[in-house]
Amino acid sequence: MNELVSIITPCYNSASTIGDTIQSVINQTYKHWELLVIDDCSQDKSIEIIKAFAAIDNRIKSLKTDAPSGSPTLPRNIGIQEAKGRFIAFLDSDDVWLPNKLSMQIPLFVNSNVGIVYSYYRKVNENGKSIGRIIKSSARHNYMSLLYGNEMGCLTVIYDTKKTGKKYFKFIGHEDYNLWLDILKEGFIAQNVKVCLAMYRIRTNSVSSNKIKIVKWIWHIYRKEQGINFFFSLYYMFFDLLKSFIKYLK
């Protein structure tokens, strides 16, 4: 399989890391990709770095929001709209991929039921040093199993637009989890390649570090977005929090 992969990278004030992120895409052994980096009106030198890479590799596209949006949702959706590839992948501007990520994941889409492919990943600190074990997850998911908690790191996910059509993020908290649920709700499965293929950088001031907000976001997804009744929402929330706690300890 040699289909085009569109990689979506939102960027805001990431001058210290965006170069490593882009280089990790350039280093992929799977070469049929395009990288859309959408700058959210950064105030540092991010855009200059992005344009420098784009000038030497025409697979890299530099895009920009009209005004700061304050979240990765709008930049990601702009990237999805502009994407030309069959496959849509996500990589934030402070994370990196290992060289064989795409070459190991894309072949799994040969299964007609597979709408999403994901992988294990490792947490690193702001300097790129490992700070924990590899974050592992289930071998596969359907809609019902994913309701027990999001095990798919956004930086590892690829979805197949030929099967699902283009899917966009909603302007809500934990929008990635809701998108995976929406895709699997259509009857597709998510397949794990069961190898660590990405490095997730932990930042002390990241939005995802606010645990109280995350609880509210997950509750909203269960009740409002997925339409699950109160008692089943409590049931799934318990397991989601348990999994999050275990992941936090790793």
C-alpha atoms as a PDB file:
ATOM      1  CA  MET A   1       0.000   0.000   0.000  1.00  0.00           C
ATOM      2  CA  ASN A   2       1.486   3.316  -1.086  1.00  0.00           C
ATOM      3  CA  GLU A   3      -1.346   5.781  -0.491  1.00  0.00           C
ATOM      4  CA  LEU A   4      -0.704   9.397   0.512  1.00  0.00           C
ATOM      5  CA  VAL A   5      -0.704  10.148   4.263  1.00  0.00           C
ATOM      6  CA  SER A   6      -1.638  13.684   5.342  1.00  0.00           C
ATOM      7  CA  ILE A   7      -0.003  14.564   8.657  1.00  0.00           C
ATOM      8  CA  ILE A   8      -1.662  17.368  10.614  1.00  0.00           C
ATOM      9  CA  THR A   9       0.518  19.406  12.994  1.00  0.00           C
ATOM     10  CA  PRO A  10      -0.939  22.392  14.880  1.00  0.00           C
ATOM     11  CA  CYS A  11       1.726  24.774  16.156  1.00  0.00           C
ATOM     12  CA  TYR A  12       1.785  27.589  18.700  1.00  0.00           C
ATOM     13  CA  ASN A  13       5.004  29.069  20.108  1.00  0.00           C
ATOM     14  CA  SER A  14       6.907  25.829  19.520  1.00  0.00           C
ATOM     15  CA  ALA A  15      10.185  27.185  18.177  1.00  0.00           C
ATOM     16  CA  SER A  16      12.151  25.022  20.607  1.00  0.00           C
ATOM     17  CA  THR A  17      10.577  21.741  19.427  1.00  0.00           C
ATOM     18  CA  ILE A  18       8.949  22.115  15.997  1.00  0.00           C
ATOM     19  CA  GLY A  19      12.208  21.401  14.171  1.00  0.00           C
ATOM     20  CA  ASP A  20      12.563  17.995  15.848  1.00  0.00           C
ATOM     21  CA  THR A  21       8.897  17.247  15.129  1.00  0.00           C
ATOM     22  CA  ILE A  22       9.237  18.014  11.426  1.00  0.00           C
ATOM     23  CA  GLN A  23      12.535  16.137  11.175  1.00  0.00           C
ATOM     24  CA  SER A  24      10.900  13.026  12.646  1.00  0.00           C
ATOM     25  CA  VAL A  25       8.433  13.103   9.734  1.00  0.00           C
ATOM     26  CA  ILE A  26      11.191  13.614   7.177  1.00  0.00           C
ATOM     27  CA  ASN A  27      12.947  10.572   8.677  1.00  0.00           C
ATOM     28  CA  GLN A  28       9.973   8.265   8.006  1.00  0.00           C
ATOM     29  CA  THR A  29      10.819   5.149   6.009  1.00  0.00           C
ATOM     30  CA  TYR A  30       7.368   5.502   4.404  1.00  0.00           C
ATOM     31  CA  LYS A  31       7.931   8.382   1.989  1.00  0.00           C
ATOM     32  CA  HIS A  32       4.489   9.055   0.487  1.00  0.00           C
ATOM     33  CA  TRP A  33       3.278  11.757   2.874  1.00  0.00           C
ATOM     34  CA  GLU A  34       2.486  15.431   3.118  1.00  0.00           C
ATOM     35  CA  LEU A  35       2.958  17.432   6.311  1.00  0.00           C
ATOM     36  CA  LEU A  36       0.575  20.319   6.945  1.00  0.00           C
ATOM     37  CA  VAL A  37       1.861  22.539   9.751  1.00  0.00           C
ATOM     38  CA  ILE A  38      -0.772  25.054  10.817  1.00  0.00           C
ATOM     39  CA  ASP A  39       0.663  27.913  12.860  1.00  0.00           C
ATOM     40  CA  ASP A  40      -1.817  29.463  15.286  1.00  0.00           C
ATOM     41  CA  CYS A  41      -0.294  32.973  15.145  1.00  0.00           C
ATOM     42  CA  SER A  42       2.816  32.097  17.141  1.00  0.00           C
ATOM     43  CA  GLN A  43       4.743  34.963  18.703  1.00  0.00           C
ATOM     44  CA  ASP A  44       8.117  33.254  18.530  1.00  0.00           C
ATOM     45  CA  LYS A  45      10.146  32.026  15.535  1.00  0.00           C
ATOM     46  CA  SER A  46       7.978  28.961  14.850  1.00  0.00           C
ATOM     47  CA  ILE A  47       6.747  30.164  11.471  1.00  0.00           C
ATOM     48  CA  GLU A  48      10.278  30.931  10.271  1.00  0.00           C
ATOM     49  CA  ILE A  49      11.384  27.413  11.167  1.00  0.00           C
ATOM     50  CA  ILE A  50       8.364  25.857   9.449  1.00  0.00           C
ATOM     51  CA  LYS A  51       8.930  27.886   6.279  1.00  0.00           C
ATOM     52  CA  ALA A  52      12.613  26.965   6.236  1.00  0.00           C
ATOM     53  CA  PHE A  53      11.723  23.265   6.174  1.00  0.00           C
ATOM     54  CA  ALA A  54       8.996  23.867   3.569  1.00  0.00           C
ATOM     55  CA  ALA A  55      11.519  25.592   1.326  1.00  0.00           C
ATOM     56  CA  ILE A  56      13.683  22.479   1.117  1.00  0.00           C
ATOM     57  CA  ASP A  57      10.959  19.787   1.041  1.00  0.00           C
ATOM     58  CA  ASN A  58       7.825  20.391  -1.034  1.00  0.00           C
ATOM     59  CA  ARG A  59       5.923  17.744   0.927  1.00  0.00           C
ATOM     60  CA  ILE A  60       5.815  20.218   3.838  1.00  0.00           C
ATOM     61  CA  LYS A  61       3.073  22.860   3.705  1.00  0.00           C
ATOM     62  CA  SER A  62       3.032  25.951   5.927  1.00  0.00           C
ATOM     63  CA  LEU A  63      -0.452  27.196   6.841  1.00  0.00           C
ATOM     64  CA  LYS A  64      -1.662  29.808   9.315  1.00  0.00           C
ATOM     65  CA  THR A  65      -4.827  30.757  11.210  1.00  0.00           C
ATOM     66  CA  ASP A  66      -6.241  34.254  10.793  1.00  0.00           C
ATOM     67  CA  ALA A  67      -6.154  34.870  14.548  1.00  0.00           C
ATOM     68  CA  PRO A  68      -4.983  32.933  17.620  1.00  0.00           C
ATOM     69  CA  SER A  69      -7.579  30.257  18.399  1.00  0.00           C
ATOM     70  CA  GLY A  70      -6.240  29.158  21.773  1.00  0.00           C
ATOM     71  CA  SER A  71      -6.555  25.417  21.091  1.00  0.00           C
ATOM     72  CA  PRO A  72      -5.370  22.864  18.530  1.00  0.00           C
ATOM     73  CA  THR A  73      -8.910  22.212  17.269  1.00  0.00           C
ATOM     74  CA  LEU A  74      -9.147  24.946  14.625  1.00  0.00           C
ATOM     75  CA  PRO A  75      -5.606  24.377  13.253  1.00  0.00           C
ATOM     76  CA  ARG A  76      -6.251  20.635  13.048  1.00  0.00           C
ATOM     77  CA  ASN A  77      -9.550  21.161  11.239  1.00  0.00           C
ATOM     78  CA  ILE A  78      -7.875  23.540   8.773  1.00  0.00           C
ATOM     79  CA  GLY A  79      -5.300  20.837   8.131  1.00  0.00           C
ATOM     80  CA  ILE A  80      -7.948  18.159   7.625  1.00  0.00           C
ATOM     81  CA  GLN A  81      -9.815  20.413   5.188  1.00  0.00           C
ATOM     82  CA  GLU A  82      -6.659  21.010   3.137  1.00  0.00           C
ATOM     83  CA  ALA A  83      -5.431  17.401   3.326  1.00  0.00           C
ATOM     84  CA  LYS A  84      -5.105  15.519   0.041  1.00  0.00           C
ATOM     85  CA  GLY A  85      -4.227  12.113   1.457  1.00  0.00           C
ATOM     86  CA  ARG A  86      -6.372   9.037   1.942  1.00  0.00           C
ATOM     87  CA  PHE A  87      -4.997   8.717   5.460  1.00  0.00           C
ATOM     88  CA  ILE A  88      -5.085  11.443   8.122  1.00  0.00           C
ATOM     89  CA  ALA A  89      -2.480  11.339  10.903  1.00  0.00           C
ATOM     90  CA  PHE A  90      -1.841  13.665  13.829  1.00  0.00           C
ATOM     91  CA  LEU A  91       1.396  14.908  15.357  1.00  0.00           C
ATOM     92  CA  ASP A  92       1.618  17.844  17.734  1.00  0.00           C
ATOM     93  CA  SER A  93       4.445  20.360  17.488  1.00  0.00           C
ATOM     94  CA  ASP A  94       6.292  19.124  20.575  1.00  0.00           C
ATOM     95  CA  ASP A  95       6.058  15.373  19.899  1.00  0.00           C
ATOM     96  CA  VAL A  96       8.080  13.109  17.602  1.00  0.00           C
ATOM     97  CA  TRP A  97       7.613   9.898  15.671  1.00  0.00           C
ATOM     98  CA  LEU A  98      10.016   7.000  15.329  1.00  0.00           C
ATOM     99  CA  PRO A  99      11.169   6.403  11.731  1.00  0.00           C
ATOM    100  CA  ASN A 100       9.098   3.264  11.084  1.00  0.00           C
ATOM    101  CA  LYS A 101       5.755   4.612  12.376  1.00  0.00           C
ATOM    102  CA  LEU A 102       3.930   5.027   9.072  1.00  0.00           C
ATOM    103  CA  SER A 103       5.462   1.964   7.437  1.00  0.00           C
ATOM    104  CA  MET A 104       4.230  -0.231  10.303  1.00  0.00           C
ATOM    105  CA  GLN A 105       0.754   1.285  10.628  1.00  0.00           C
ATOM    106  CA  ILE A 106      -0.470   1.794   7.053  1.00  0.00           C
ATOM    107  CA  PRO A 107      -0.508  -1.932   6.077  1.00  0.00           C
ATOM    108  CA  LEU A 108      -3.055  -2.655   8.840  1.00  0.00           C
ATOM    109  CA  PHE A 109      -5.700  -0.737   6.888  1.00  0.00           C
ATOM    110  CA  VAL A 110      -5.897  -3.612   4.404  1.00  0.00           C
ATOM    111  CA  ASN A 111      -8.591  -4.999   6.750  1.00  0.00           C
ATOM    112  CA  SER A 112     -11.849  -3.464   5.520  1.00  0.00           C
ATOM    113  CA  ASN A 113     -13.191  -3.121   9.086  1.00  0.00           C
ATOM    114  CA  VAL A 114     -10.228  -1.071  10.324  1.00  0.00           C
ATOM    115  CA  GLY A 115     -11.016   2.656  10.374  1.00  0.00           C
ATOM    116  CA  ILE A 116      -8.280   3.687  12.823  1.00  0.00           C
ATOM    117  CA  VAL A 117      -4.765   2.437  13.519  1.00  0.00           C
ATOM    118  CA  TYR A 118      -2.839   3.490  16.619  1.00  0.00           C
ATOM    119  CA  SER A 119       0.235   2.436  18.597  1.00  0.00           C
ATOM    120  CA  TYR A 120       2.021   2.520  21.922  1.00  0.00           C
ATOM    121  CA  TYR A 121       3.993   5.646  22.841  1.00  0.00           C
ATOM    122  CA  ARG A 122       6.533   6.770  25.416  1.00  0.00           C
ATOM    123  CA  LYS A 123       6.363   9.813  27.695  1.00  0.00           C
ATOM    124  CA  VAL A 124       9.394  12.122  27.698  1.00  0.00           C
ATOM    125  CA  ASN A 125      10.140  15.321  29.585  1.00  0.00           C
ATOM    126  CA  GLU A 126      10.572  18.776  28.076  1.00  0.00           C
ATOM    127  CA  ASN A 127      14.190  17.918  27.239  1.00  0.00           C
ATOM    128  CA  GLY A 128      13.178  14.763  25.400  1.00  0.00           C
ATOM    129  CA  LYS A 129      14.364  12.358  28.109  1.00  0.00           C
ATOM    130  CA  SER A 130      12.260   9.332  28.991  1.00  0.00           C
ATOM    131  CA  ILE A 131      10.290   9.749  32.222  1.00  0.00           C
ATOM    132  CA  GLY A 132       8.334   6.518  32.311  1.00  0.00           C
ATOM    133  CA  ARG A 133       7.510   3.196  30.774  1.00  0.00           C
ATOM    134  CA  ILE A 134       5.971   2.794  27.367  1.00  0.00           C
ATOM    135  CA  ILE A 135       2.231   3.617  27.469  1.00  0.00           C
ATOM    136  CA  LYS A 136       0.593   0.450  26.238  1.00  0.00           C
ATOM    137  CA  SER A 137      -3.047  -0.089  25.301  1.00  0.00           C
ATOM    138  CA  SER A 138      -5.474  -2.752  24.119  1.00  0.00           C
ATOM    139  CA  ALA A 139      -4.838  -4.674  20.917  1.00  0.00           C
ATOM    140  CA  ARG A 140      -8.020  -3.289  19.340  1.00  0.00           C
ATOM    141  CA  HIS A 141     -11.116  -1.296  20.136  1.00  0.00           C
ATOM    142  CA  ASN A 142     -14.700  -1.038  18.989  1.00  0.00           C
ATOM    143  CA  TYR A 143     -17.132   1.658  20.066  1.00  0.00           C
ATOM    144  CA  MET A 144     -18.281  -0.088  23.235  1.00  0.00           C
ATOM    145  CA  SER A 145     -14.799  -0.931  24.493  1.00  0.00           C
ATOM    146  CA  LEU A 146     -13.503   2.607  23.906  1.00  0.00           C
ATOM    147  CA  LEU A 147     -16.257   4.014  26.118  1.00  0.00           C
ATOM    148  CA  TYR A 148     -14.275   2.622  29.063  1.00  0.00           C
ATOM    149  CA  GLY A 149     -11.582   5.231  28.426  1.00  0.00           C
ATOM    150  CA  ASN A 150      -9.450   6.720  25.688  1.00  0.00           C
ATOM    151  CA  GLU A 151      -6.419   4.506  25.148  1.00  0.00           C
ATOM    152  CA  MET A 152      -5.414   6.003  21.815  1.00  0.00           C
ATOM    153  CA  GLY A 153      -2.828   8.770  21.988  1.00  0.00           C
ATOM    154  CA  CYS A 154      -3.622  11.401  19.367  1.00  0.00           C
ATOM    155  CA  LEU A 155       0.015  11.453  18.206  1.00  0.00           C
ATOM    156  CA  THR A 156      -0.290   7.767  17.250  1.00  0.00           C
ATOM    157  CA  VAL A 157      -3.681   7.789  15.501  1.00  0.00           C
ATOM    158  CA  ILE A 158      -4.255   7.480  11.756  1.00  0.00           C
ATOM    159  CA  TYR A 159      -7.724   7.209  10.216  1.00  0.00           C
ATOM    160  CA  ASP A 160      -8.784   6.129   6.732  1.00  0.00           C
ATOM    161  CA  THR A 161     -10.900   8.716   4.905  1.00  0.00           C
ATOM    162  CA  LYS A 162     -11.682   6.234   2.125  1.00  0.00           C
ATOM    163  CA  LYS A 163     -13.755   4.303   4.667  1.00  0.00           C
ATOM    164  CA  THR A 164     -14.891   7.004   7.089  1.00  0.00           C
ATOM    165  CA  GLY A 165     -14.881  10.168   5.003  1.00  0.00           C
ATOM    166  CA  LYS A 166     -13.146  13.231   6.399  1.00  0.00           C
ATOM    167  CA  LYS A 167     -13.932  13.641  10.081  1.00  0.00           C
ATOM    168  CA  TYR A 168     -13.394  16.900  11.966  1.00  0.00           C
ATOM    169  CA  PHE A 169     -12.851  17.778  15.615  1.00  0.00           C
ATOM    170  CA  LYS A 170     -15.598  19.466  17.605  1.00  0.00           C
ATOM    171  CA  PHE A 171     -14.788  22.564  19.640  1.00  0.00           C
ATOM    172  CA  ILE A 172     -14.995  20.769  22.977  1.00  0.00           C
ATOM    173  CA  GLY A 173     -12.515  19.508  25.545  1.00  0.00           C
ATOM    174  CA  HIS A 174     -10.919  16.119  24.817  1.00  0.00           C
ATOM    175  CA  GLU A 175     -12.045  16.508  21.217  1.00  0.00           C
ATOM    176  CA  ASP A 176      -9.781  13.711  20.044  1.00  0.00           C
ATOM    177  CA  TYR A 177     -11.529  11.114  22.222  1.00  0.00           C
ATOM    178  CA  ASN A 178     -14.910  12.209  20.915  1.00  0.00           C
ATOM    179  CA  LEU A 179     -13.713  11.934  17.312  1.00  0.00           C
ATOM    180  CA  TRP A 180     -12.437   8.376  17.819  1.00  0.00           C
ATOM    181  CA  LEU A 181     -15.810   7.451  19.362  1.00  0.00           C
ATOM    182  CA  ASP A 182     -17.701   9.013  16.455  1.00  0.00           C
ATOM    183  CA  ILE A 183     -15.681   6.977  13.956  1.00  0.00           C
ATOM    184  CA  LEU A 184     -16.032   3.685  15.822  1.00  0.00           C
ATOM    185  CA  LYS A 185     -19.745   4.310  16.369  1.00  0.00           C
ATOM    186  CA  GLU A 186     -20.164   3.786  12.619  1.00  0.00           C
ATOM    187  CA  GLY A 187     -19.090   0.161  13.042  1.00  0.00           C
ATOM    188  CA  PHE A 188     -15.348   0.396  12.396  1.00  0.00           C
ATOM    189  CA  ILE A 189     -12.652  -0.997  14.666  1.00  0.00           C
ATOM    190  CA  ALA A 190      -9.393   0.570  15.792  1.00  0.00           C
ATOM    191  CA  GLN A 191      -6.327  -1.668  15.463  1.00  0.00           C
ATOM    192  CA  ASN A 192      -3.182  -1.335  17.573  1.00  0.00           C
ATOM    193  CA  VAL A 193       0.140  -2.109  15.926  1.00  0.00           C
ATOM    194  CA  LYS A 194       1.366  -2.955  19.484  1.00  0.00           C
ATOM    195  CA  VAL A 195       4.751  -1.284  19.120  1.00  0.00           C
ATOM    196  CA  CYS A 196       6.020   2.006  20.561  1.00  0.00           C
ATOM    197  CA  LEU A 197       6.199   4.385  17.597  1.00  0.00           C
ATOM    198  CA  ALA A 198       6.048   7.895  19.122  1.00  0.00           C
ATOM    199  CA  MET A 199       7.354  10.105  21.913  1.00  0.00           C
ATOM    200  CA  TYR A 200       4.896  12.287  23.853  1.00  0.00           C
ATOM    201  CA  ARG A 201       6.398  15.340  25.534  1.00  0.00           C
ATOM    202  CA  ILE A 202       4.987  16.181  28.962  1.00  0.00           C
ATOM    203  CA  ARG A 203       4.722  19.899  29.712  1.00  0.00           C
ATOM    204  CA  THR A 204       3.917  21.189  33.188  1.00  0.00           C
ATOM    205  CA  ASN A 205       1.652  23.952  31.843  1.00  0.00           C
ATOM    206  CA  SER A 206      -0.196  21.855  29.268  1.00  0.00           C
ATOM    207  CA  VAL A 207      -3.986  21.955  29.053  1.00  0.00           C
ATOM    208  CA  SER A 208      -4.136  18.191  29.518  1.00  0.00           C
ATOM    209  CA  SER A 209      -2.443  18.512  32.935  1.00  0.00           C
ATOM    210  CA  ASN A 210      -5.619  20.022  34.455  1.00  0.00           C
ATOM    211  CA  LYS A 211      -7.350  16.907  35.795  1.00  0.00           C
ATOM    212  CA  ILE A 212     -10.545  18.638  36.962  1.00  0.00           C
ATOM    213  CA  LYS A 213     -11.158  20.039  33.491  1.00  0.00           C
ATOM    214  CA  ILE A 214     -10.617  16.618  31.967  1.00  0.00           C
ATOM    215  CA  VAL A 215     -13.298  15.076  34.189  1.00  0.00           C
ATOM    216  CA  LYS A 216     -15.781  17.736  33.031  1.00  0.00           C
ATOM    217  CA  TRP A 217     -14.823  17.187  29.405  1.00  0.00           C
ATOM    218  CA  ILE A 218     -15.279  13.416  29.590  1.00  0.00           C
ATOM    219  CA  TRP A 219     -18.649  13.798  31.304  1.00  0.00           C
ATOM    220  CA  HIS A 220     -19.782  16.156  28.561  1.00  0.00           C
ATOM    221  CA  ILE A 221     -18.702  13.651  25.902  1.00  0.00           C
ATOM    222  CA  TYR A 222     -20.618  10.795  27.526  1.00  0.00           C
ATOM    223  CA  ARG A 223     -23.785  12.748  28.251  1.00  0.00           C
ATOM    224  CA  LYS A 224     -24.078  15.335  25.463  1.00  0.00           C
ATOM    225  CA  GLU A 225     -21.976  14.140  22.534  1.00  0.00           C
ATOM    226  CA  GLN A 226     -22.553  10.384  22.779  1.00  0.00           C
ATOM    227  CA  GLY A 227     -26.026  10.587  24.371  1.00  0.00           C
ATOM    228  CA  ILE A 228     -25.352   8.051  27.126  1.00  0.00           C
ATOM    229  CA  ASN A 229     -27.734   8.025  30.085  1.00  0.00           C
ATOM    230  CA  PHE A 230     -26.710   9.263  33.526  1.00  0.00           C
ATOM    231  CA  PHE A 231     -26.041   5.910  35.182  1.00  0.00           C
ATOM    232  CA  PHE A 232     -24.053   4.397  32.322  1.00  0.00           C
ATOM    233  CA  SER A 233     -22.079   7.658  32.093  1.00  0.00           C
ATOM    234  CA  LEU A 234     -21.117   7.244  35.766  1.00  0.00           C
ATOM    235  CA  TYR A 235     -20.180   3.632  35.068  1.00  0.00           C
ATOM    236  CA  TYR A 236     -17.914   4.474  32.143  1.00  0.00           C
ATOM    237  CA  MET A 237     -16.489   7.489  33.968  1.00  0.00           C
ATOM    238  CA  PHE A 238     -15.285   5.261  36.803  1.00  0.00           C
ATOM    239  CA  PHE A 239     -13.254   3.106  34.430  1.00  0.00           C
ATOM    240  CA  ASP A 240     -11.987   6.122  32.492  1.00  0.00           C
ATOM    241  CA  LEU A 241     -10.676   7.722  35.695  1.00  0.00           C
ATOM    242  CA  LEU A 242      -9.124   4.444  36.790  1.00  0.00           C
ATOM    243  CA  LYS A 243      -7.272   4.075  33.488  1.00  0.00           C
ATOM    244  CA  SER A 244      -6.166   7.722  33.627  1.00  0.00           C
ATOM    245  CA  PHE A 245      -4.808   7.208  37.144  1.00  0.00           C
ATOM    246  CA  ILE A 246      -2.845   4.151  36.085  1.00  0.00           C
ATOM    247  CA  LYS A 247      -1.463   6.012  33.054  1.00  0.00           C
ATOM    248  CA  TYR A 248      -0.472   8.937  35.298  1.00  0.00           C
ATOM    249  CA  LEU A 249       1.556   6.597  37.525  1.00  0.00           C
ATOM    250  CA  LYS A 250       3.543   5.261  34.588  1.00  0.00           C
END
